[in-house]
C-alpha atoms as a PDB file:
ATOM      1  CA  MET A   1      -5.184   4.424  -8.290  1.00  0.00           C
ATOM      2  CA  LYS A   2      -1.792   3.018  -8.865  1.00  0.00           C
ATOM      3  CA  ILE A   3      -0.291   3.284 -12.283  1.00  0.00           C
ATOM      4  CA  LYS A   4       2.629   4.947 -13.806  1.00  0.00           C
ATOM      5  CA  THR A   5       0.131   6.810 -15.920  1.00  0.00           C
ATOM      6  CA  LEU A   6      -2.880   6.614 -13.652  1.00  0.00           C
ATOM      7  CA  PHE A   7      -5.169   9.104 -11.987  1.00  0.00           C
ATOM      8  CA  ALA A   8      -7.146   8.849  -8.772  1.00  0.00           C
ATOM      9  CA  SER A   9      -9.706   6.200  -7.977  1.00  0.00           C
ATOM     10  CA  CYS A  10      -8.842   2.599  -7.054  1.00  0.00           C
ATOM     11  CA  MET A  11     -10.322  -0.913  -6.395  1.00  0.00           C
ATOM     12  CA  PHE A  12      -9.621  -4.313  -4.795  1.00  0.00           C
ATOM     13  CA  LEU A  13      -9.737  -8.012  -5.767  1.00  0.00           C
ATOM     14  CA  SER A  14     -10.850 -11.334  -4.222  1.00  0.00           C
ATOM     15  CA  ILE A  15      -9.719 -14.896  -3.634  1.00  0.00           C
ATOM     16  CA  ALA A  16     -12.957 -16.809  -3.205  1.00  0.00           C
ATOM     17  CA  GLY A  17     -16.580 -16.546  -4.118  1.00  0.00           C
ATOM     18  CA  SER A  18     -18.731 -17.550  -7.004  1.00  0.00           C
ATOM     19  CA  SER A  19     -16.228 -16.623  -9.693  1.00  0.00           C
ATOM     20  CA  GLY A  20     -12.913 -17.266  -7.959  1.00  0.00           C
ATOM     21  CA  SER A  21     -11.060 -20.072  -6.273  1.00  0.00           C
ATOM     22  CA  ALA A  22     -11.717 -20.221  -2.543  1.00  0.00           C
ATOM     23  CA  LEU A  23      -8.947 -19.728  -0.020  1.00  0.00           C
ATOM     24  CA  ALA A  24      -9.553 -19.670   3.714  1.00  0.00           C
ATOM     25  CA  ALA A  25     -11.640 -16.844   5.148  1.00  0.00           C
ATOM     26  CA  GLY A  26      -9.592 -14.119   3.545  1.00  0.00           C
ATOM     27  CA  PRO A  27      -9.784 -12.009   0.379  1.00  0.00           C
ATOM     28  CA  ASP A  28     -11.146 -13.377  -2.890  1.00  0.00           C
ATOM     29  CA  VAL A  29      -8.881 -13.581  -5.954  1.00  0.00           C
ATOM     30  CA  HIS A  30     -10.916 -13.855  -9.155  1.00  0.00           C
ATOM     31  CA  SER A  31     -10.203 -16.567 -11.711  1.00  0.00           C
ATOM     32  CA  SER A  32      -9.248 -13.790 -14.164  1.00  0.00           C
ATOM     33  CA  CYS A  33      -5.973 -13.606 -12.211  1.00  0.00           C
ATOM     34  CA  ASN A  34      -5.012 -17.270 -12.681  1.00  0.00           C
ATOM     35  CA  GLY A  35      -1.347 -17.816 -13.426  1.00  0.00           C
ATOM     36  CA  ALA A  36      -0.209 -14.335 -12.395  1.00  0.00           C
ATOM     37  CA  SER A  37       1.019 -15.048  -8.831  1.00  0.00           C
ATOM     38  CA  VAL A  38      -1.602 -12.665  -7.464  1.00  0.00           C
ATOM     39  CA  PRO A  39      -2.393 -14.616  -4.259  1.00  0.00           C
ATOM     40  CA  SER A  40       1.269 -14.738  -3.209  1.00  0.00           C
ATOM     41  CA  SER A  41       1.785 -11.030  -3.928  1.00  0.00           C
ATOM     42  CA  LEU A  42      -1.372 -10.162  -2.015  1.00  0.00           C
ATOM     43  CA  SER A  43      -0.297 -12.309   0.932  1.00  0.00           C
ATOM     44  CA  SER A  44       3.122 -10.652   0.930  1.00  0.00           C
ATOM     45  CA  ALA A  45       1.548  -7.190   0.881  1.00  0.00           C
ATOM     46  CA  GLU A  46      -0.756  -8.055   3.779  1.00  0.00           C
ATOM     47  CA  GLY A  47       2.190  -9.294   5.825  1.00  0.00           C
ATOM     48  CA  LEU A  48       4.185  -6.147   5.100  1.00  0.00           C
ATOM     49  CA  ALA A  49       1.271  -3.863   5.982  1.00  0.00           C
ATOM     50  CA  SER A  50       0.583  -5.785   9.190  1.00  0.00           C
ATOM     51  CA  SER A  51       4.251  -5.561  10.164  1.00  0.00           C
ATOM     52  CA  ALA A  52       4.229  -1.802   9.571  1.00  0.00           C
ATOM     53  CA  ALA A  53       1.048  -1.450  11.629  1.00  0.00           C
ATOM     54  CA  SER A  54       2.629  -3.476  14.447  1.00  0.00           C
ATOM     55  CA  ARG A  55       5.673  -1.205  14.391  1.00  0.00           C
ATOM     56  CA  LEU A  56       3.464   1.878  14.732  1.00  0.00           C
ATOM     57  CA  ASN A  57       1.299   0.284  17.416  1.00  0.00           C
ATOM     58  CA  GLY A  58       4.483  -0.485  19.320  1.00  0.00           C
ATOM     59  CA  LEU A  59       5.561   3.147  19.098  1.00  0.00           C
ATOM     60  CA  ALA A  60       2.211   4.160  20.584  1.00  0.00           C
ATOM     61  CA  GLY A  61       3.219   2.407  23.800  1.00  0.00           C
ATOM     62  CA  LYS A  62       6.388   4.480  24.180  1.00  0.00           C
ATOM     63  CA  SER A  63       6.767   7.838  25.870  1.00  0.00           C
ATOM     64  CA  LYS A  64       6.424  10.814  23.546  1.00  0.00           C
ATOM     65  CA  ALA A  65      10.176  11.432  23.695  1.00  0.00           C
ATOM     66  CA  GLN A  66      10.967   7.805  22.847  1.00  0.00           C
ATOM     67  CA  ARG A  67       8.366   7.701  20.098  1.00  0.00           C
ATOM     68  CA  GLU A  68       9.706  10.872  18.505  1.00  0.00           C
ATOM     69  CA  ALA A  69      13.287   9.614  18.636  1.00  0.00           C
ATOM     70  CA  LEU A  70      12.386   6.241  17.115  1.00  0.00           C
ATOM     71  CA  TRP A  71      10.258   7.832  14.382  1.00  0.00           C
ATOM     72  CA  ASN A  72      12.959  10.318  13.399  1.00  0.00           C
ATOM     73  CA  ALA A  73      15.632   7.606  13.371  1.00  0.00           C
ATOM     74  CA  GLY A  74      13.505   5.153  11.397  1.00  0.00           C
ATOM     75  CA  ALA A  75      11.750   4.715   8.079  1.00  0.00           C
ATOM     76  CA  GLU A  76       8.856   6.870   9.246  1.00  0.00           C
ATOM     77  CA  ARG A  77      10.771  10.112   8.811  1.00  0.00           C
ATOM     78  CA  ARG A  78      11.962   9.055   5.364  1.00  0.00           C
ATOM     79  CA  TRP A  79       8.403   8.519   4.087  1.00  0.00           C
ATOM     80  CA  PHE A  80       6.381  11.008   6.166  1.00  0.00           C
ATOM     81  CA  GLY A  81       8.705  13.732   7.402  1.00  0.00           C
ATOM     82  CA  ALA A  82       9.761  14.686  10.923  1.00  0.00           C
ATOM     83  CA  TYR A  83       7.703  13.505  13.881  1.00  0.00           C
ATOM     84  CA  SER A  84       4.591  15.238  15.127  1.00  0.00           C
ATOM     85  CA  ASN A  85       1.791  13.762  17.225  1.00  0.00           C
ATOM     86  CA  THR A  86      -0.734  14.456  14.481  1.00  0.00           C
ATOM     87  CA  ARG A  87       1.473  12.880  11.831  1.00  0.00           C
ATOM     88  CA  PHE A  88       2.083   9.792  13.944  1.00  0.00           C
ATOM     89  CA  ASN A  89      -1.585   9.274  14.766  1.00  0.00           C
ATOM     90  CA  ASN A  90      -2.573   9.777  11.132  1.00  0.00           C
ATOM     91  CA  VAL A  91      -0.086   7.252   9.751  1.00  0.00           C
ATOM     92  CA  ARG A  92      -0.795   4.720  12.495  1.00  0.00           C
ATOM     93  CA  LYS A  93      -4.537   4.830  11.873  1.00  0.00           C
ATOM     94  CA  ARG A  94      -4.146   4.560   8.112  1.00  0.00           C
ATOM     95  CA  MET A  95      -1.705   1.651   8.278  1.00  0.00           C
ATOM     96  CA  ASN A  96      -3.945  -0.324  10.616  1.00  0.00           C
ATOM     97  CA  ASN A  97      -6.856   0.308   8.253  1.00  0.00           C
ATOM     98  CA  ILE A  98      -4.779  -0.832   5.280  1.00  0.00           C
ATOM     99  CA  ALA A  99      -3.735  -4.053   7.016  1.00  0.00           C
ATOM    100  CA  GLU A 100      -7.363  -4.743   7.909  1.00  0.00           C
ATOM    101  CA  ALA A 101      -8.483  -4.224   4.315  1.00  0.00           C
ATOM    102  CA  LEU A 102      -5.822  -6.551   2.911  1.00  0.00           C
ATOM    103  CA  ARG A 103      -6.878  -9.459   5.103  1.00  0.00           C
ATOM    104  CA  SER A 104     -10.623  -8.816   4.944  1.00  0.00           C
ATOM    105  CA  SER A 105     -12.961 -11.449   3.519  1.00  0.00           C
ATOM    106  CA  ARG A 106     -14.799  -8.498   1.943  1.00  0.00           C
ATOM    107  CA  LEU A 107     -11.883  -7.812  -0.375  1.00  0.00           C
ATOM    108  CA  ASP A 108     -12.107  -8.906  -4.010  1.00  0.00           C
ATOM    109  CA  VAL A 109      -9.162  -8.847  -6.405  1.00  0.00           C
ATOM    110  CA  LYS A 110      -9.817  -8.916 -10.135  1.00  0.00           C
ATOM    111  CA  CYS A 111      -7.495  -8.776 -13.103  1.00  0.00           C
ATOM    112  CA  LEU A 112      -8.238  -6.700 -16.182  1.00  0.00           C
ATOM    113  CA  TRP A 113      -5.169  -7.290 -18.296  1.00  0.00           C
ATOM    114  CA  SER A 114      -6.567  -5.163 -21.123  1.00  0.00           C
ATOM    115  CA  LYS A 115      -6.163  -2.092 -18.901  1.00  0.00           C
ATOM    116  CA  SER A 116      -2.810  -0.320 -18.892  1.00  0.00           C
ATOM    117  CA  TYR A 117      -2.686   0.672 -15.228  1.00  0.00           C
ATOM    118  CA  PHE A 118      -1.032  -1.032 -12.245  1.00  0.00           C
ATOM    119  CA  GLY A 119      -4.131  -1.038 -10.085  1.00  0.00           C
ATOM    120  CA  ASN A 120      -7.420   0.693  -9.470  1.00  0.00           C
ATOM    121  CA  ALA A 121      -9.583   1.068  -6.355  1.00  0.00           C
ATOM    122  CA  SER A 122     -12.260   3.393  -4.978  1.00  0.00           C
ATOM    123  CA  PRO A 123     -12.835   4.646  -1.422  1.00  0.00           C
ATOM    124  CA  GLY A 124     -15.117   2.354   0.544  1.00  0.00           C
ATOM    125  CA  VAL A 125     -15.327  -0.296  -2.189  1.00  0.00           C
ATOM    126  CA  TYR A 126     -13.460  -3.472  -1.270  1.00  0.00           C
ATOM    127  CA  VAL A 127     -12.309  -4.285  -4.797  1.00  0.00           C
ATOM    128  CA  ILE A 128      -8.808  -4.035  -6.264  1.00  0.00           C
ATOM    129  CA  ARG A 129      -8.431  -4.268 -10.019  1.00  0.00           C
ATOM    130  CA  LEU A 130      -5.021  -5.061 -11.453  1.00  0.00           C
ATOM    131  CA  GLY A 131      -3.963  -4.071 -14.957  1.00  0.00           C
ATOM    132  CA  SER A 132      -1.266  -5.037 -17.412  1.00  0.00           C
ATOM    133  CA  ALA A 133       1.377  -2.745 -15.885  1.00  0.00           C
ATOM    134  CA  TRP A 134       1.202  -4.845 -12.718  1.00  0.00           C
ATOM    135  CA  LYS A 135       1.180  -8.143 -14.621  1.00  0.00           C
ATOM    136  CA  TYR A 136       4.316  -7.347 -16.608  1.00  0.00           C
ATOM    137  CA  GLU A 137       6.249  -5.661 -13.801  1.00  0.00           C
ATOM    138  CA  SER A 138       9.238  -7.696 -12.631  1.00  0.00           C
ATOM    139  CA  SER A 139       8.539  -9.932  -9.647  1.00  0.00           C
ATOM    140  CA  SER A 140      11.612  -8.386  -8.019  1.00  0.00           C
ATOM    141  CA  SER A 141      10.123  -4.868  -8.193  1.00  0.00           C
ATOM    142  CA  VAL A 142       8.810  -3.137  -5.091  1.00  0.00           C
ATOM    143  CA  ASP A 143       5.739  -2.153  -7.102  1.00  0.00           C
ATOM    144  CA  LYS A 144       4.427  -5.740  -7.080  1.00  0.00           C
ATOM    145  CA  PRO A 145       3.478  -5.729  -3.349  1.00  0.00           C
ATOM    146  CA  GLN A 146       3.317  -1.945  -3.102  1.00  0.00           C
ATOM    147  CA  THR A 147       0.387  -1.816  -5.513  1.00  0.00           C
ATOM    148  CA  PHE A 148      -1.785  -3.791  -3.092  1.00  0.00           C
ATOM    149  CA  VAL A 149      -0.911  -1.574  -0.131  1.00  0.00           C
ATOM    150  CA  HIS A 150      -1.437   1.498  -2.306  1.00  0.00           C
ATOM    151  CA  GLU A 151      -4.864   0.362  -3.453  1.00  0.00           C
ATOM    152  CA  ALA A 152      -5.911  -0.654   0.062  1.00  0.00           C
ATOM    153  CA  ALA A 153      -4.988   2.870   1.151  1.00  0.00           C
ATOM    154  CA  HIS A 154      -7.396   4.197  -1.473  1.00  0.00           C
ATOM    155  CA  ILE A 155     -10.115   1.863  -0.253  1.00  0.00           C
ATOM    156  CA  ARG A 156      -9.644   3.273   3.228  1.00  0.00           C
ATOM    157  CA  GLY A 157      -9.692   6.867   2.023  1.00  0.00           C
ATOM    158  CA  ALA A 158      -6.102   7.902   1.213  1.00  0.00           C
ATOM    159  CA  VAL A 159      -6.688   9.633  -2.107  1.00  0.00           C
ATOM    160  CA  LEU A 160      -4.752  12.886  -1.993  1.00  0.00           C
ATOM    161  CA  GLY A 161      -1.221  13.971  -2.674  1.00  0.00           C
ATOM    162  CA  GLY A 162       1.231  14.127  -5.542  1.00  0.00           C
ATOM    163  CA  GLU A 163      -0.640  11.367  -7.325  1.00  0.00           C
ATOM    164  CA  VAL A 164      -3.162  13.863  -8.623  1.00  0.00           C
ATOM    165  CA  ARG A 165      -0.240  15.568 -10.360  1.00  0.00           C
ATOM    166  CA  GLY A 166       1.127  12.316 -11.752  1.00  0.00           C
ATOM    167  CA  LYS A 167       3.897  12.095  -9.153  1.00  0.00           C
ATOM    168  CA  TYR A 168       4.362   8.336  -8.837  1.00  0.00           C
ATOM    169  CA  GLY A 169       7.344   6.295  -7.728  1.00  0.00           C
ATOM    170  CA  VAL A 170       9.914   6.139  -4.958  1.00  0.00           C
ATOM    171  CA  ALA A 171      11.755   9.367  -5.808  1.00  0.00           C
ATOM    172  CA  ASP A 172       8.596  11.487  -5.846  1.00  0.00           C
ATOM    173  CA  ALA A 173       7.360   9.877  -2.622  1.00  0.00           C
ATOM    174  CA  LEU A 174      10.635  10.690  -0.863  1.00  0.00           C
ATOM    175  CA  THR A 175      10.551  14.284  -2.098  1.00  0.00           C
ATOM    176  CA  ARG A 176       6.919  14.642  -1.020  1.00  0.00           C
ATOM    177  CA  ALA A 177       7.747  13.479   2.504  1.00  0.00           C
ATOM    178  CA  GLN A 178      10.402  16.143   2.936  1.00  0.00           C
ATOM    179  CA  LYS A 179       8.667  19.036   1.173  1.00  0.00           C
ATOM    180  CA  HIS A 180       5.011  18.264   1.907  1.00  0.00           C
ATOM    181  CA  PRO A 181       4.822  15.880   4.892  1.00  0.00           C
ATOM    182  CA  GLY A 182       1.220  16.808   5.606  1.00  0.00           C
ATOM    183  CA  VAL A 183       0.354  15.537   2.143  1.00  0.00           C
ATOM    184  CA  ALA A 184       2.615  12.474   2.365  1.00  0.00           C
ATOM    185  CA  VAL A 185       0.728  10.999   5.326  1.00  0.00           C
ATOM    186  CA  ARG A 186      -2.456  10.777   3.249  1.00  0.00           C
ATOM    187  CA  THR A 187      -0.905   9.756  -0.045  1.00  0.00           C
ATOM    188  CA  ALA A 188      -1.216   6.116  -1.075  1.00  0.00           C
ATOM    189  CA  GLU A 189       2.239   6.080  -2.692  1.00  0.00           C
ATOM    190  CA  ASN A 190       3.986   7.041   0.545  1.00  0.00           C
ATOM    191  CA  LEU A 191       1.946   4.651   2.658  1.00  0.00           C
ATOM    192  CA  GLY A 192       2.647   1.838   0.213  1.00  0.00           C
ATOM    193  CA  TYR A 193       6.381   2.388  -0.077  1.00  0.00           C
ATOM    194  CA  TYR A 194       6.698   2.818   3.682  1.00  0.00           C
ATOM    195  CA  ALA A 195       5.053  -0.552   4.356  1.00  0.00           C
ATOM    196  CA  VAL A 196       7.211  -2.404   1.839  1.00  0.00           C
ATOM    197  CA  CYS A 197      10.573  -0.632   1.913  1.00  0.00           C
ATOM    198  CA  ARG A 198      10.914  -0.547   5.711  1.00  0.00           C
ATOM    199  CA  SER A 199      11.096  -4.350   5.782  1.00  0.00           C
ATOM    200  CA  ALA A 200      14.453  -6.118   5.886  1.00  0.00           C
ATOM    201  CA  SER A 201      13.433  -8.218   2.887  1.00  0.00           C
ATOM    202  CA  TRP A 202      12.967  -5.159   0.643  1.00  0.00           C
ATOM    203  CA  ALA A 203      15.273  -2.433   2.001  1.00  0.00           C
ATOM    204  CA  GLY A 204      17.769  -1.520  -0.717  1.00  0.00           C
ATOM    205  CA  LYS A 205      16.124  -3.861  -3.236  1.00  0.00           C
ATOM    206  CA  GLY A 206      13.584  -3.673  -6.045  1.00  0.00           C
ATOM    207  CA  GLY A 207      13.702   0.115  -6.154  1.00  0.00           C
ATOM    208  CA  CYS A 208      13.572   0.673  -2.383  1.00  0.00           C
ATOM    209  CA  PRO A 209      16.184   3.043  -0.920  1.00  0.00           C
END
């Protein structure tokens, strides 16, 4: 889950279907989200996750020496620690899975504004639920798009890490990457902040380093 006071299971939302307004063949955003700019935030998150996946897929085509050098000089080291083949393969697989989930027509997004969390999602269940913390977060905050990437990571099985100890936010994610990189690669917070903060549009803004 993604909240500043949340624990560990998460869900996704939708943009079409019987109870929502239909958009192309993508995710379904429920009518409960009307007026909260959810579709645009979801679209932004999908673009950021896809860009991150493309970056990692591009690294896969490099020699090991080139890949290691690019990883260690880039955002990957900041969010996941120093390069290793296992670390690279893990992050690449997870980010591709996240991007797939965020553009899937199976994905439903629902808004439960009576709940205090940012978001909630469960492994294998293509539903993201947004709570009041997300609704009232500033539109200029990294946590607006990051929540979607975070929850998609949960849907695709990233459930471990500092989150279970209440370690949310950019500072804790950065510390986790340096002290516990093996945990960072499977933590939704790190995957989410990596996807968003590596982009030119977010670097140094909205809480991103």
